[in-house]
Amino acid sequence: MMGGVSSYTVQAGDTLNKISARFGVPKAVLLAENDLKPNAKLHKNSQLIVNNTHVVPVWMNDGITINLPQRMLYFFQDKHLVSSYPVGLGKPDWPTPTGKFKVANMQMDKDWLVPLSIQEEMRREGHTVITRLPSGPKNPLGRHWLGLSAAGYGIHGTSSPTSIYHFQSHGCIRSNPEDIAVLYQLVSVGTPVNLVYHTTMLAKTADGKLWLEVQPDVYQHGIDALGEVRAMAEKQHLVGKLDWQKVYDVVQQAQGIARDVGLN
């Protein structure tokens, strides 16, 4: 498990989208848990409840795991979860791939060599076609680049922080600039990177609580979330310890936040 429920003091210039992107909490959850309307304006120094409780989907000895439906990156060292960050991923018609990769190269202030496929998209949409964009504030790669062994894909910063925790990229993994700056110092060429696709996660914590997190199947893989919960519960011998009405509610709502589904 990571994250939790905390209180956040609204800063000048904050919006719900910015807070959602920074903490890895769906905007709908922010609205519901703070009794706000979608067009609500935030006021400086007001308090918000932020619930970004997530189930860590895959544990590693060392390296990076990114669970695409969660839009979360997890960094492990010596079998310990060191840090976790929200990320932005590929849009449904340009999905981020899954698989086991490695950090193949690292670069600061990388020029963006615009792929031919994106150039064609620019042309098709009537935009000026750009083939190369130097490093700088308008460069969508930000200042830090971790190139993956999957050709053409990488983990990088962004010039658009509010795009974090959304599916808006052309397949690369966007990170908040301050997060990727920290991660860049922790990894090296050869660091394992595991890109997975888990919409349904069930976990038992040390205090005996049972947590279920269900994410929307954004890439439409046809996942049967309830069937997956049943299979995981049977495997972990938890069938009789779950409140199945709570399970049905979490599956139906698919809010993207872990909820306690154990019997009281």
C-alpha atoms as a PDB file:
ATOM      1  CA  MET A   1       0.000   0.000   0.000  1.00  0.00           C
ATOM      2  CA  MET A   2       1.033   3.602  -0.490  1.00  0.00           C
ATOM      3  CA  GLY A   3      -0.486   7.021   0.004  1.00  0.00           C
ATOM      4  CA  GLY A   4      -3.396   7.572   2.359  1.00  0.00           C
ATOM      5  CA  VAL A   5      -5.809  10.235   3.502  1.00  0.00           C
ATOM      6  CA  SER A   6      -4.372  13.638   4.334  1.00  0.00           C
ATOM      7  CA  SER A   7      -5.326  17.286   4.567  1.00  0.00           C
ATOM      8  CA  TYR A   8      -3.972  19.712   1.978  1.00  0.00           C
ATOM      9  CA  THR A   9      -3.828  23.498   2.289  1.00  0.00           C
ATOM     10  CA  VAL A  10      -4.787  25.127  -1.001  1.00  0.00           C
ATOM     11  CA  GLN A  11      -2.076  27.376  -2.441  1.00  0.00           C
ATOM     12  CA  ALA A  12      -2.443  30.378  -4.723  1.00  0.00           C
ATOM     13  CA  GLY A  13      -3.024  29.215  -8.288  1.00  0.00           C
ATOM     14  CA  ASP A  14      -4.178  25.745  -7.327  1.00  0.00           C
ATOM     15  CA  THR A  15      -6.927  24.019  -9.293  1.00  0.00           C
ATOM     16  CA  LEU A  16      -8.531  20.634  -8.819  1.00  0.00           C
ATOM     17  CA  ASN A  17      -6.716  19.405 -11.932  1.00  0.00           C
ATOM     18  CA  LYS A  18      -3.351  20.530 -10.547  1.00  0.00           C
ATOM     19  CA  ILE A  19      -3.959  18.864  -7.187  1.00  0.00           C
ATOM     20  CA  SER A  20      -5.168  15.684  -8.880  1.00  0.00           C
ATOM     21  CA  ALA A  21      -2.026  15.576 -11.034  1.00  0.00           C
ATOM     22  CA  ARG A  22       0.317  16.306  -8.142  1.00  0.00           C
ATOM     23  CA  PHE A  23      -0.991  13.732  -5.673  1.00  0.00           C
ATOM     24  CA  GLY A  24      -2.306  10.978  -7.930  1.00  0.00           C
ATOM     25  CA  VAL A  25      -5.938  11.217  -6.919  1.00  0.00           C
ATOM     26  CA  PRO A  26      -8.817  11.210  -9.425  1.00  0.00           C
ATOM     27  CA  LYS A  27     -10.595  14.544  -9.700  1.00  0.00           C
ATOM     28  CA  ALA A  28     -13.932  12.795  -9.111  1.00  0.00           C
ATOM     29  CA  VAL A  29     -12.657  11.522  -5.758  1.00  0.00           C
ATOM     30  CA  LEU A  30     -11.500  15.018  -4.772  1.00  0.00           C
ATOM     31  CA  LEU A  31     -14.956  16.353  -5.599  1.00  0.00           C
ATOM     32  CA  ALA A  32     -16.846  13.626  -3.758  1.00  0.00           C
ATOM     33  CA  GLU A  33     -14.761  13.591  -0.586  1.00  0.00           C
ATOM     34  CA  ASN A  34     -14.808  17.375  -0.286  1.00  0.00           C
ATOM     35  CA  ASP A  35     -18.468  17.797  -1.293  1.00  0.00           C
ATOM     36  CA  LEU A  36     -17.523  20.060  -4.195  1.00  0.00           C
ATOM     37  CA  LYS A  37     -19.183  20.725  -7.525  1.00  0.00           C
ATOM     38  CA  PRO A  38     -17.196  20.160 -10.762  1.00  0.00           C
ATOM     39  CA  ASN A  39     -16.846  23.896 -11.400  1.00  0.00           C
ATOM     40  CA  ALA A  40     -15.882  24.720  -7.810  1.00  0.00           C
ATOM     41  CA  LYS A  41     -13.326  27.474  -7.320  1.00  0.00           C
ATOM     42  CA  LEU A  42     -10.667  26.856  -4.696  1.00  0.00           C
ATOM     43  CA  HIS A  43      -9.735  29.478  -2.130  1.00  0.00           C
ATOM     44  CA  LYS A  44      -6.222  30.006  -0.819  1.00  0.00           C
ATOM     45  CA  ASN A  45      -5.585  28.467   2.629  1.00  0.00           C
ATOM     46  CA  SER A  46      -8.755  26.383   2.541  1.00  0.00           C
ATOM     47  CA  GLN A  47      -8.386  22.702   3.448  1.00  0.00           C
ATOM     48  CA  LEU A  48      -9.003  19.748   1.156  1.00  0.00           C
ATOM     49  CA  ILE A  49      -9.179  16.057   1.989  1.00  0.00           C
ATOM     50  CA  VAL A  50      -6.787  14.227  -0.337  1.00  0.00           C
ATOM     51  CA  ASN A  51      -7.202  10.460  -0.573  1.00  0.00           C
ATOM     52  CA  ASN A  52      -4.544   8.859  -2.751  1.00  0.00           C
ATOM     53  CA  THR A  53      -4.549   5.386  -1.202  1.00  0.00           C
ATOM     54  CA  HIS A  54      -3.255   2.875  -3.760  1.00  0.00           C
ATOM     55  CA  VAL A  55      -2.402  -0.810  -3.781  1.00  0.00           C
ATOM     56  CA  VAL A  56       1.125  -1.439  -5.027  1.00  0.00           C
ATOM     57  CA  PRO A  57       0.466  -3.893  -7.878  1.00  0.00           C
ATOM     58  CA  VAL A  58       3.850  -5.606  -8.281  1.00  0.00           C
ATOM     59  CA  TRP A  59       6.793  -5.782  -5.886  1.00  0.00           C
ATOM     60  CA  MET A  60      10.374  -5.699  -7.214  1.00  0.00           C
ATOM     61  CA  ASN A  61      13.796  -6.196  -5.703  1.00  0.00           C
ATOM     62  CA  ASP A  62      15.184  -3.194  -7.565  1.00  0.00           C
ATOM     63  CA  GLY A  63      13.846  -0.998 -10.330  1.00  0.00           C
ATOM     64  CA  ILE A  64      10.748   0.766 -11.577  1.00  0.00           C
ATOM     65  CA  THR A  65       7.220  -0.566 -11.914  1.00  0.00           C
ATOM     66  CA  ILE A  66       4.597   1.514 -13.708  1.00  0.00           C
ATOM     67  CA  ASN A  67       1.009   0.298 -13.583  1.00  0.00           C
ATOM     68  CA  LEU A  68      -0.672   1.880 -16.577  1.00  0.00           C
ATOM     69  CA  PRO A  69      -4.320   1.927 -15.381  1.00  0.00           C
ATOM     70  CA  GLN A  70      -3.202   3.456 -12.062  1.00  0.00           C
ATOM     71  CA  ARG A  71      -0.986   6.052 -13.731  1.00  0.00           C
ATOM     72  CA  MET A  72       1.497   5.441 -10.917  1.00  0.00           C
ATOM     73  CA  LEU A  73       5.260   4.842 -10.931  1.00  0.00           C
ATOM     74  CA  TYR A  74       6.898   2.880  -8.103  1.00  0.00           C
ATOM     75  CA  PHE A  75      10.656   2.815  -7.453  1.00  0.00           C
ATOM     76  CA  PHE A  76      12.186  -0.045  -5.447  1.00  0.00           C
ATOM     77  CA  GLN A  77      15.613  -0.558  -3.900  1.00  0.00           C
ATOM     78  CA  ASP A  78      16.650  -3.651  -1.935  1.00  0.00           C
ATOM     79  CA  LYS A  79      13.049  -4.955  -1.915  1.00  0.00           C
ATOM     80  CA  HIS A  80      11.771  -1.709  -0.383  1.00  0.00           C
ATOM     81  CA  LEU A  81       9.407   0.808  -1.947  1.00  0.00           C
ATOM     82  CA  VAL A  82      11.482   3.988  -1.927  1.00  0.00           C
ATOM     83  CA  SER A  83       9.135   6.385  -3.727  1.00  0.00           C
ATOM     84  CA  SER A  84       6.019   6.571  -5.845  1.00  0.00           C
ATOM     85  CA  TYR A  85       4.849   9.218  -8.291  1.00  0.00           C
ATOM     86  CA  PRO A  86       1.811   9.906 -10.488  1.00  0.00           C
ATOM     87  CA  VAL A  87       2.583   9.872 -14.205  1.00  0.00           C
ATOM     88  CA  GLY A  88       0.928  10.695 -17.512  1.00  0.00           C
ATOM     89  CA  LEU A  89       0.603   7.963 -20.147  1.00  0.00           C
ATOM     90  CA  GLY A  90      -0.370   7.251 -23.737  1.00  0.00           C
ATOM     91  CA  LYS A  91      -3.855   8.071 -24.935  1.00  0.00           C
ATOM     92  CA  PRO A  92      -6.137   5.110 -25.754  1.00  0.00           C
ATOM     93  CA  ASP A  93      -5.435   5.324 -29.490  1.00  0.00           C
ATOM     94  CA  TRP A  94      -1.679   5.658 -28.821  1.00  0.00           C
ATOM     95  CA  PRO A  95      -1.146   3.413 -25.788  1.00  0.00           C
ATOM     96  CA  THR A  96       1.949   3.015 -23.665  1.00  0.00           C
ATOM     97  CA  PRO A  97       3.313  -0.526 -24.170  1.00  0.00           C
ATOM     98  CA  THR A  98       3.588  -3.180 -21.470  1.00  0.00           C
ATOM     99  CA  GLY A  99       6.567  -5.439 -20.889  1.00  0.00           C
ATOM    100  CA  LYS A 100       9.900  -5.755 -19.113  1.00  0.00           C
ATOM    101  CA  PHE A 101      12.451  -3.176 -20.223  1.00  0.00           C
ATOM    102  CA  LYS A 102      15.528  -1.360 -18.926  1.00  0.00           C
ATOM    103  CA  VAL A 103      16.789   2.200 -18.774  1.00  0.00           C
ATOM    104  CA  ALA A 104      18.884   2.297 -21.958  1.00  0.00           C
ATOM    105  CA  ASN A 105      20.093   5.897 -21.867  1.00  0.00           C
ATOM    106  CA  MET A 106      19.908   9.019 -19.724  1.00  0.00           C
ATOM    107  CA  GLN A 107      20.111  12.605 -20.899  1.00  0.00           C
ATOM    108  CA  MET A 108      19.656  16.103 -19.519  1.00  0.00           C
ATOM    109  CA  ASP A 109      18.092  18.833 -21.654  1.00  0.00           C
ATOM    110  CA  LYS A 110      17.458  16.549 -24.587  1.00  0.00           C
ATOM    111  CA  ASP A 111      16.271  17.998 -27.890  1.00  0.00           C
ATOM    112  CA  TRP A 112      12.976  16.515 -29.006  1.00  0.00           C
ATOM    113  CA  LEU A 113      13.427  14.723 -32.312  1.00  0.00           C
ATOM    114  CA  VAL A 114       9.806  14.570 -33.408  1.00  0.00           C
ATOM    115  CA  PRO A 115       8.869  11.054 -34.605  1.00  0.00           C
ATOM    116  CA  LEU A 116       7.540  10.773 -38.145  1.00  0.00           C
ATOM    117  CA  SER A 117       4.213   9.480 -36.799  1.00  0.00           C
ATOM    118  CA  ILE A 118       3.743  12.625 -34.732  1.00  0.00           C
ATOM    119  CA  GLN A 119       4.814  14.806 -37.647  1.00  0.00           C
ATOM    120  CA  GLU A 120       2.098  13.141 -39.700  1.00  0.00           C
ATOM    121  CA  GLU A 121      -0.428  13.838 -36.940  1.00  0.00           C
ATOM    122  CA  MET A 122       0.622  17.519 -36.938  1.00  0.00           C
ATOM    123  CA  ARG A 123       0.154  17.632 -40.712  1.00  0.00           C
ATOM    124  CA  ARG A 124      -3.214  15.885 -40.556  1.00  0.00           C
ATOM    125  CA  GLU A 125      -4.501  18.281 -37.881  1.00  0.00           C
ATOM    126  CA  GLY A 126      -3.350  21.353 -39.809  1.00  0.00           C
ATOM    127  CA  HIS A 127      -0.533  22.328 -37.453  1.00  0.00           C
ATOM    128  CA  THR A 128       2.929  23.522 -38.425  1.00  0.00           C
ATOM    129  CA  VAL A 129       5.090  20.423 -38.732  1.00  0.00           C
ATOM    130  CA  ILE A 130       8.054  20.460 -36.356  1.00  0.00           C
ATOM    131  CA  THR A 131      10.932  18.020 -36.861  1.00  0.00           C
ATOM    132  CA  ARG A 132      13.153  19.066 -33.956  1.00  0.00           C
ATOM    133  CA  LEU A 133      12.567  21.157 -30.836  1.00  0.00           C
ATOM    134  CA  PRO A 134      15.600  22.324 -28.815  1.00  0.00           C
ATOM    135  CA  SER A 135      15.692  21.996 -25.042  1.00  0.00           C
ATOM    136  CA  GLY A 136      13.926  24.781 -23.223  1.00  0.00           C
ATOM    137  CA  PRO A 137      10.653  25.678 -21.503  1.00  0.00           C
ATOM    138  CA  LYS A 138       8.545  24.666 -24.530  1.00  0.00           C
ATOM    139  CA  ASN A 139      10.189  21.270 -24.965  1.00  0.00           C
ATOM    140  CA  PRO A 140       7.605  18.598 -23.984  1.00  0.00           C
ATOM    141  CA  LEU A 141      10.365  16.302 -22.690  1.00  0.00           C
ATOM    142  CA  GLY A 142      11.248  18.628 -19.834  1.00  0.00           C
ATOM    143  CA  ARG A 143      14.817  18.576 -18.539  1.00  0.00           C
ATOM    144  CA  HIS A 144      15.259  14.879 -17.712  1.00  0.00           C
ATOM    145  CA  TRP A 145      15.059  11.914 -20.081  1.00  0.00           C
ATOM    146  CA  LEU A 146      15.256   8.208 -19.209  1.00  0.00           C
ATOM    147  CA  GLY A 147      15.224   6.373 -22.521  1.00  0.00           C
ATOM    148  CA  LEU A 148      13.888   2.812 -22.385  1.00  0.00           C
ATOM    149  CA  SER A 149      15.034  -0.287 -24.222  1.00  0.00           C
ATOM    150  CA  ALA A 150      11.656  -0.107 -25.979  1.00  0.00           C
ATOM    151  CA  ALA A 151      12.741   1.998 -28.955  1.00  0.00           C
ATOM    152  CA  GLY A 152      11.212   5.466 -29.003  1.00  0.00           C
ATOM    153  CA  TYR A 153       9.797   5.336 -25.475  1.00  0.00           C
ATOM    154  CA  GLY A 154      11.042   7.019 -22.336  1.00  0.00           C
ATOM    155  CA  ILE A 155      10.236   8.456 -18.931  1.00  0.00           C
ATOM    156  CA  HIS A 156      10.636  12.214 -18.972  1.00  0.00           C
ATOM    157  CA  GLY A 157       9.578  15.524 -17.489  1.00  0.00           C
ATOM    158  CA  THR A 158       6.977  17.728 -19.089  1.00  0.00           C
ATOM    159  CA  SER A 159       6.221  21.316 -19.995  1.00  0.00           C
ATOM    160  CA  SER A 160       2.568  20.624 -19.101  1.00  0.00           C
ATOM    161  CA  PRO A 161       2.337  19.391 -15.478  1.00  0.00           C
ATOM    162  CA  THR A 162      -1.481  19.285 -15.542  1.00  0.00           C
ATOM    163  CA  SER A 163      -1.247  16.487 -18.117  1.00  0.00           C
ATOM    164  CA  ILE A 164       0.123  14.222 -15.373  1.00  0.00           C
ATOM    165  CA  TYR A 165      -2.325  11.555 -14.174  1.00  0.00           C
ATOM    166  CA  HIS A 166      -4.039  11.595 -17.565  1.00  0.00           C
ATOM    167  CA  PHE A 167      -3.785   9.554 -20.753  1.00  0.00           C
ATOM    168  CA  GLN A 168      -2.669  12.246 -23.193  1.00  0.00           C
ATOM    169  CA  SER A 169       0.802  11.352 -24.479  1.00  0.00           C
ATOM    170  CA  HIS A 170       1.922   9.518 -27.609  1.00  0.00           C
ATOM    171  CA  GLY A 171       3.006   6.555 -25.510  1.00  0.00           C
ATOM    172  CA  CYS A 172       5.848   7.997 -23.435  1.00  0.00           C
ATOM    173  CA  ILE A 173       5.641   8.353 -19.662  1.00  0.00           C
ATOM    174  CA  ARG A 174       5.402  11.907 -18.384  1.00  0.00           C
ATOM    175  CA  SER A 175       6.448  12.839 -14.848  1.00  0.00           C
ATOM    176  CA  ASN A 176       6.163  15.955 -12.732  1.00  0.00           C
ATOM    177  CA  PRO A 177       9.440  17.884 -13.208  1.00  0.00           C
ATOM    178  CA  GLU A 178      10.337  17.723  -9.514  1.00  0.00           C
ATOM    179  CA  ASP A 179       9.650  13.971  -9.387  1.00  0.00           C
ATOM    180  CA  ILE A 180      11.750  13.039 -12.407  1.00  0.00           C
ATOM    181  CA  ALA A 181      14.597  15.202 -11.047  1.00  0.00           C
ATOM    182  CA  VAL A 182      14.694  12.983  -7.938  1.00  0.00           C
ATOM    183  CA  LEU A 183      14.226   9.732  -9.872  1.00  0.00           C
ATOM    184  CA  TYR A 184      17.021  10.689 -12.280  1.00  0.00           C
ATOM    185  CA  GLN A 185      19.482  10.657  -9.363  1.00  0.00           C
ATOM    186  CA  LEU A 186      18.312   7.222  -8.169  1.00  0.00           C
ATOM    187  CA  VAL A 187      18.495   5.199 -11.382  1.00  0.00           C
ATOM    188  CA  SER A 188      21.247   4.287 -13.815  1.00  0.00           C
ATOM    189  CA  VAL A 189      21.572   2.720 -17.240  1.00  0.00           C
ATOM    190  CA  GLY A 190      20.414  -0.867 -16.847  1.00  0.00           C
ATOM    191  CA  THR A 191      17.788  -0.201 -14.161  1.00  0.00           C
ATOM    192  CA  PRO A 192      14.858  -2.595 -14.771  1.00  0.00           C
ATOM    193  CA  VAL A 193      11.554  -1.000 -15.820  1.00  0.00           C
ATOM    194  CA  ASN A 194       8.409  -3.122 -15.593  1.00  0.00           C
ATOM    195  CA  LEU A 195       5.345  -1.712 -17.399  1.00  0.00           C
ATOM    196  CA  VAL A 196       2.224  -3.611 -16.313  1.00  0.00           C
ATOM    197  CA  TYR A 197      -1.534  -3.388 -16.830  1.00  0.00           C
ATOM    198  CA  HIS A 198      -3.467  -4.237 -13.657  1.00  0.00           C
ATOM    199  CA  THR A 199      -6.921  -2.721 -13.230  1.00  0.00           C
ATOM    200  CA  THR A 200      -7.880  -4.818 -10.207  1.00  0.00           C
ATOM    201  CA  MET A 201      -5.760  -5.093  -7.047  1.00  0.00           C
ATOM    202  CA  LEU A 202      -6.554  -6.786  -3.732  1.00  0.00           C
ATOM    203  CA  ALA A 203      -4.256  -6.535  -0.721  1.00  0.00           C
ATOM    204  CA  LYS A 204      -4.181  -7.466   2.954  1.00  0.00           C
ATOM    205  CA  THR A 205      -2.224  -5.127   5.216  1.00  0.00           C
ATOM    206  CA  ALA A 206      -0.404  -5.956   8.453  1.00  0.00           C
ATOM    207  CA  ASP A 207      -3.349  -4.709  10.522  1.00  0.00           C
ATOM    208  CA  GLY A 208      -5.622  -7.260   8.860  1.00  0.00           C
ATOM    209  CA  LYS A 209      -7.512  -4.801   6.658  1.00  0.00           C
ATOM    210  CA  LEU A 210      -8.478  -5.849   3.147  1.00  0.00           C
ATOM    211  CA  TRP A 211      -8.144  -3.263   0.405  1.00  0.00           C
ATOM    212  CA  LEU A 212      -9.553  -3.342  -3.104  1.00  0.00           C
ATOM    213  CA  GLU A 213      -8.637  -0.925  -5.874  1.00  0.00           C
ATOM    214  CA  VAL A 214     -10.353  -1.010  -9.260  1.00  0.00           C
ATOM    215  CA  GLN A 215      -9.232   1.220 -12.099  1.00  0.00           C
ATOM    216  CA  PRO A 216     -11.147   1.858 -15.339  1.00  0.00           C
ATOM    217  CA  ASP A 217     -10.033  -0.375 -18.206  1.00  0.00           C
ATOM    218  CA  VAL A 218      -8.888   2.632 -20.227  1.00  0.00           C
ATOM    219  CA  TYR A 219      -7.240   0.602 -22.990  1.00  0.00           C
ATOM    220  CA  GLN A 220     -10.332  -1.610 -23.259  1.00  0.00           C
ATOM    221  CA  HIS A 221      -8.709  -4.977 -22.692  1.00  0.00           C
ATOM    222  CA  GLY A 222     -12.082  -6.483 -21.792  1.00  0.00           C
ATOM    223  CA  ILE A 223     -11.152  -7.190 -18.176  1.00  0.00           C
ATOM    224  CA  ASP A 224     -13.739  -8.807 -15.887  1.00  0.00           C
ATOM    225  CA  ALA A 225     -12.921  -6.949 -12.666  1.00  0.00           C
ATOM    226  CA  LEU A 226     -15.327  -8.920 -10.479  1.00  0.00           C
ATOM    227  CA  GLY A 227     -14.019 -12.195 -11.868  1.00  0.00           C
ATOM    228  CA  GLU A 228     -10.468 -11.073 -11.080  1.00  0.00           C
ATOM    229  CA  VAL A 229     -11.437 -10.201  -7.498  1.00  0.00           C
ATOM    230  CA  ARG A 230     -13.011 -13.637  -7.021  1.00  0.00           C
ATOM    231  CA  ALA A 231      -9.889 -15.355  -8.391  1.00  0.00           C
ATOM    232  CA  MET A 232      -7.547 -13.302  -6.175  1.00  0.00           C
ATOM    233  CA  ALA A 233      -9.741 -13.849  -3.113  1.00  0.00           C
ATOM    234  CA  GLU A 234      -9.733 -17.607  -3.669  1.00  0.00           C
ATOM    235  CA  LYS A 235      -5.971 -17.694  -4.208  1.00  0.00           C
ATOM    236  CA  GLN A 236      -5.348 -15.674  -1.028  1.00  0.00           C
ATOM    237  CA  HIS A 237      -8.041 -17.558   0.979  1.00  0.00           C
ATOM    238  CA  LEU A 238      -9.972 -14.348   1.592  1.00  0.00           C
ATOM    239  CA  VAL A 239     -13.413 -15.234   0.182  1.00  0.00           C
ATOM    240  CA  GLY A 240     -15.085 -15.454   3.592  1.00  0.00           C
ATOM    241  CA  LYS A 241     -13.351 -12.342   4.914  1.00  0.00           C
ATOM    242  CA  LEU A 242     -14.624  -9.926   2.281  1.00  0.00           C
ATOM    243  CA  ASP A 243     -17.765  -7.817   2.488  1.00  0.00           C
ATOM    244  CA  TRP A 244     -19.007  -8.673  -0.994  1.00  0.00           C
ATOM    245  CA  GLN A 245     -21.468  -5.779  -1.135  1.00  0.00           C
ATOM    246  CA  LYS A 246     -18.522  -3.418  -0.642  1.00  0.00           C
ATOM    247  CA  VAL A 247     -16.635  -5.368  -3.307  1.00  0.00           C
ATOM    248  CA  TYR A 248     -19.522  -4.989  -5.790  1.00  0.00           C
ATOM    249  CA  ASP A 249     -19.700  -1.242  -5.074  1.00  0.00           C
ATOM    250  CA  VAL A 250     -15.952  -0.737  -5.625  1.00  0.00           C
ATOM    251  CA  VAL A 251     -16.044  -2.753  -8.848  1.00  0.00           C
ATOM    252  CA  GLN A 252     -19.068  -0.877 -10.178  1.00  0.00           C
ATOM    253  CA  GLN A 253     -17.713   2.572  -9.315  1.00  0.00           C
ATOM    254  CA  ALA A 254     -14.102   1.887 -10.429  1.00  0.00           C
ATOM    255  CA  GLN A 255     -12.994   5.120  -8.749  1.00  0.00           C
ATOM    256  CA  GLY A 256      -9.292   4.319  -8.917  1.00  0.00           C
ATOM    257  CA  ILE A 257      -8.713   4.544  -5.153  1.00  0.00           C
ATOM    258  CA  ALA A 258      -8.214   1.658  -2.735  1.00  0.00           C
ATOM    259  CA  ARG A 259     -11.156   1.038  -0.396  1.00  0.00           C
ATOM    260  CA  ASP A 260     -11.515  -1.124   2.725  1.00  0.00           C
ATOM    261  CA  VAL A 261     -13.687  -4.092   1.731  1.00  0.00           C
ATOM    262  CA  GLY A 262     -13.197  -6.330   4.757  1.00  0.00           C
ATOM    263  CA  LEU A 263     -15.963  -7.497   7.065  1.00  0.00           C
ATOM    264  CA  ASN A 264     -16.299  -5.216  10.093  1.00  0.00           C
END
